[in-house]
């Protein structure tokens, strides 16, 4: 993600879709990389409920998520998902 910022300095993600989020490490890395303008919407999808719980704990325990960031954890993505890009 540092390389993305380096090569495209004007790029700032407005949303993150992390399919197979696991413990949320990619989300944490993105939030750390774009601290000044964090994405406003994050969708974390993983079939493992324990992994989603771990991701939620990691993100909230480190106070990494700004209060303005909307994070949604799901075990699956419905076929007619209402997810819209921000």
C-alpha atoms as a PDB file:
ATOM      1  CA  UNK A   1       0.000   0.000   0.000  1.00  0.00           C
ATOM      2  CA  UNK A   2       2.947   2.298   0.533  1.00  0.00           C
ATOM      3  CA  UNK A   3       3.937   1.650  -3.059  1.00  0.00           C
ATOM      4  CA  UNK A   4       0.425   2.553  -4.241  1.00  0.00           C
ATOM      5  CA  UNK A   5       0.637   5.827  -2.311  1.00  0.00           C
ATOM      6  CA  UNK A   6       4.099   6.478  -3.681  1.00  0.00           C
ATOM      7  CA  UNK A   7       3.151   5.859  -7.313  1.00  0.00           C
ATOM      8  CA  UNK A   8      -0.306   7.459  -7.126  1.00  0.00           C
ATOM      9  CA  UNK A   9      -0.051  10.161  -4.451  1.00  0.00           C
ATOM     10  CA  UNK A  10      -3.437  11.636  -5.328  1.00  0.00           C
ATOM     11  CA  UNK A  11      -5.211   8.296  -4.797  1.00  0.00           C
ATOM     12  CA  UNK A  12      -7.160   8.125  -1.546  1.00  0.00           C
ATOM     13  CA  UNK A  13      -9.599   5.205  -1.200  1.00  0.00           C
ATOM     14  CA  UNK A  14     -13.093   6.197  -0.124  1.00  0.00           C
ATOM     15  CA  UNK A  15     -14.127   2.610   0.613  1.00  0.00           C
ATOM     16  CA  UNK A  16     -12.591  -0.812   1.229  1.00  0.00           C
ATOM     17  CA  UNK A  17     -14.064  -4.185   0.299  1.00  0.00           C
ATOM     18  CA  UNK A  18     -12.034  -6.910   2.000  1.00  0.00           C
ATOM     19  CA  UNK A  19     -13.251 -10.327   0.869  1.00  0.00           C
ATOM     20  CA  UNK A  20     -11.645 -12.994   3.048  1.00  0.00           C
ATOM     21  CA  UNK A  21     -10.734 -10.429   5.665  1.00  0.00           C
ATOM     22  CA  UNK A  22      -9.363 -12.876   8.229  1.00  0.00           C
ATOM     23  CA  UNK A  23      -8.183 -10.882  11.248  1.00  0.00           C
ATOM     24  CA  UNK A  24      -8.464  -7.603   9.316  1.00  0.00           C
ATOM     25  CA  UNK A  25      -4.781  -7.031   8.641  1.00  0.00           C
ATOM     26  CA  UNK A  26      -5.358  -5.555   5.164  1.00  0.00           C
ATOM     27  CA  UNK A  27      -7.901  -3.123   6.616  1.00  0.00           C
ATOM     28  CA  UNK A  28      -5.478  -2.148   9.371  1.00  0.00           C
ATOM     29  CA  UNK A  29      -2.720  -1.599   6.814  1.00  0.00           C
ATOM     30  CA  UNK A  30      -4.994   0.570   4.644  1.00  0.00           C
ATOM     31  CA  UNK A  31      -6.188   2.621   7.607  1.00  0.00           C
ATOM     32  CA  UNK A  32      -2.601   3.140   8.707  1.00  0.00           C
ATOM     33  CA  UNK A  33      -1.540   4.147   5.201  1.00  0.00           C
ATOM     34  CA  UNK A  34      -4.348   6.654   4.706  1.00  0.00           C
ATOM     35  CA  UNK A  35      -4.662   7.986   8.276  1.00  0.00           C
ATOM     36  CA  UNK A  36      -5.204  11.582   7.196  1.00  0.00           C
ATOM     37  CA  UNK A  37      -8.176  10.675   4.997  1.00  0.00           C
ATOM     38  CA  UNK A  38      -9.411   7.222   6.017  1.00  0.00           C
ATOM     39  CA  UNK A  39     -11.945   5.373   3.890  1.00  0.00           C
ATOM     40  CA  UNK A  40     -15.485   6.151   5.053  1.00  0.00           C
ATOM     41  CA  UNK A  41     -16.980   2.725   4.342  1.00  0.00           C
ATOM     42  CA  UNK A  42     -15.416  -0.677   4.969  1.00  0.00           C
ATOM     43  CA  UNK A  43     -16.973  -4.042   4.173  1.00  0.00           C
ATOM     44  CA  UNK A  44     -15.192  -7.000   5.778  1.00  0.00           C
ATOM     45  CA  UNK A  45     -16.398 -10.379   4.517  1.00  0.00           C
ATOM     46  CA  UNK A  46     -15.249 -13.735   5.905  1.00  0.00           C
ATOM     47  CA  UNK A  47     -17.060 -17.074   6.295  1.00  0.00           C
ATOM     48  CA  UNK A  48     -15.362 -17.581   9.650  1.00  0.00           C
ATOM     49  CA  UNK A  49     -17.240 -15.940  12.502  1.00  0.00           C
ATOM     50  CA  UNK A  50     -14.181 -16.211  14.811  1.00  0.00           C
ATOM     51  CA  UNK A  51     -12.079 -14.334  12.237  1.00  0.00           C
ATOM     52  CA  UNK A  52     -14.684 -11.580  11.970  1.00  0.00           C
ATOM     53  CA  UNK A  53     -14.775 -11.306  15.759  1.00  0.00           C
ATOM     54  CA  UNK A  54     -10.973 -11.105  15.834  1.00  0.00           C
ATOM     55  CA  UNK A  55     -10.957  -8.424  13.129  1.00  0.00           C
ATOM     56  CA  UNK A  56     -13.533  -6.425  15.039  1.00  0.00           C
ATOM     57  CA  UNK A  57     -11.509  -6.692  18.256  1.00  0.00           C
ATOM     58  CA  UNK A  58      -8.230  -5.772  16.538  1.00  0.00           C
ATOM     59  CA  UNK A  59      -9.780  -2.743  14.875  1.00  0.00           C
ATOM     60  CA  UNK A  60     -11.552  -1.465  17.973  1.00  0.00           C
ATOM     61  CA  UNK A  61      -8.839  -2.381  20.521  1.00  0.00           C
ATOM     62  CA  UNK A  62      -6.217  -0.397  18.654  1.00  0.00           C
ATOM     63  CA  UNK A  63      -8.636   2.499  18.242  1.00  0.00           C
ATOM     64  CA  UNK A  64      -7.648   2.359  14.595  1.00  0.00           C
ATOM     65  CA  UNK A  65     -11.128   3.071  13.271  1.00  0.00           C
ATOM     66  CA  UNK A  66     -12.092   6.710  13.386  1.00  0.00           C
ATOM     67  CA  UNK A  67     -15.636   7.275  14.566  1.00  0.00           C
ATOM     68  CA  UNK A  68     -16.581   8.560  11.117  1.00  0.00           C
ATOM     69  CA  UNK A  69     -15.633   5.263   9.438  1.00  0.00           C
ATOM     70  CA  UNK A  70     -18.524   2.851   8.882  1.00  0.00           C
ATOM     71  CA  UNK A  71     -17.415  -0.803   9.157  1.00  0.00           C
ATOM     72  CA  UNK A  72     -19.698  -3.698   8.273  1.00  0.00           C
ATOM     73  CA  UNK A  73     -18.721  -7.278   9.068  1.00  0.00           C
ATOM     74  CA  UNK A  74     -20.501 -10.108   7.220  1.00  0.00           C
ATOM     75  CA  UNK A  75     -20.063 -13.839   6.801  1.00  0.00           C
ATOM     76  CA  UNK A  76     -21.254 -13.746   3.205  1.00  0.00           C
ATOM     77  CA  UNK A  77     -22.241 -11.375   0.456  1.00  0.00           C
ATOM     78  CA  UNK A  78     -25.848 -11.829  -0.699  1.00  0.00           C
ATOM     79  CA  UNK A  79     -26.446 -12.299  -4.406  1.00  0.00           C
ATOM     80  CA  UNK A  80     -28.401  -9.040  -4.615  1.00  0.00           C
ATOM     81  CA  UNK A  81     -26.130  -7.121  -2.281  1.00  0.00           C
ATOM     82  CA  UNK A  82     -26.949  -3.460  -1.660  1.00  0.00           C
ATOM     83  CA  UNK A  83     -23.246  -2.592  -1.528  1.00  0.00           C
ATOM     84  CA  UNK A  84     -22.648   0.511  -3.569  1.00  0.00           C
ATOM     85  CA  UNK A  85     -19.291   2.200  -4.165  1.00  0.00           C
ATOM     86  CA  UNK A  86     -18.748   5.410  -2.264  1.00  0.00           C
END
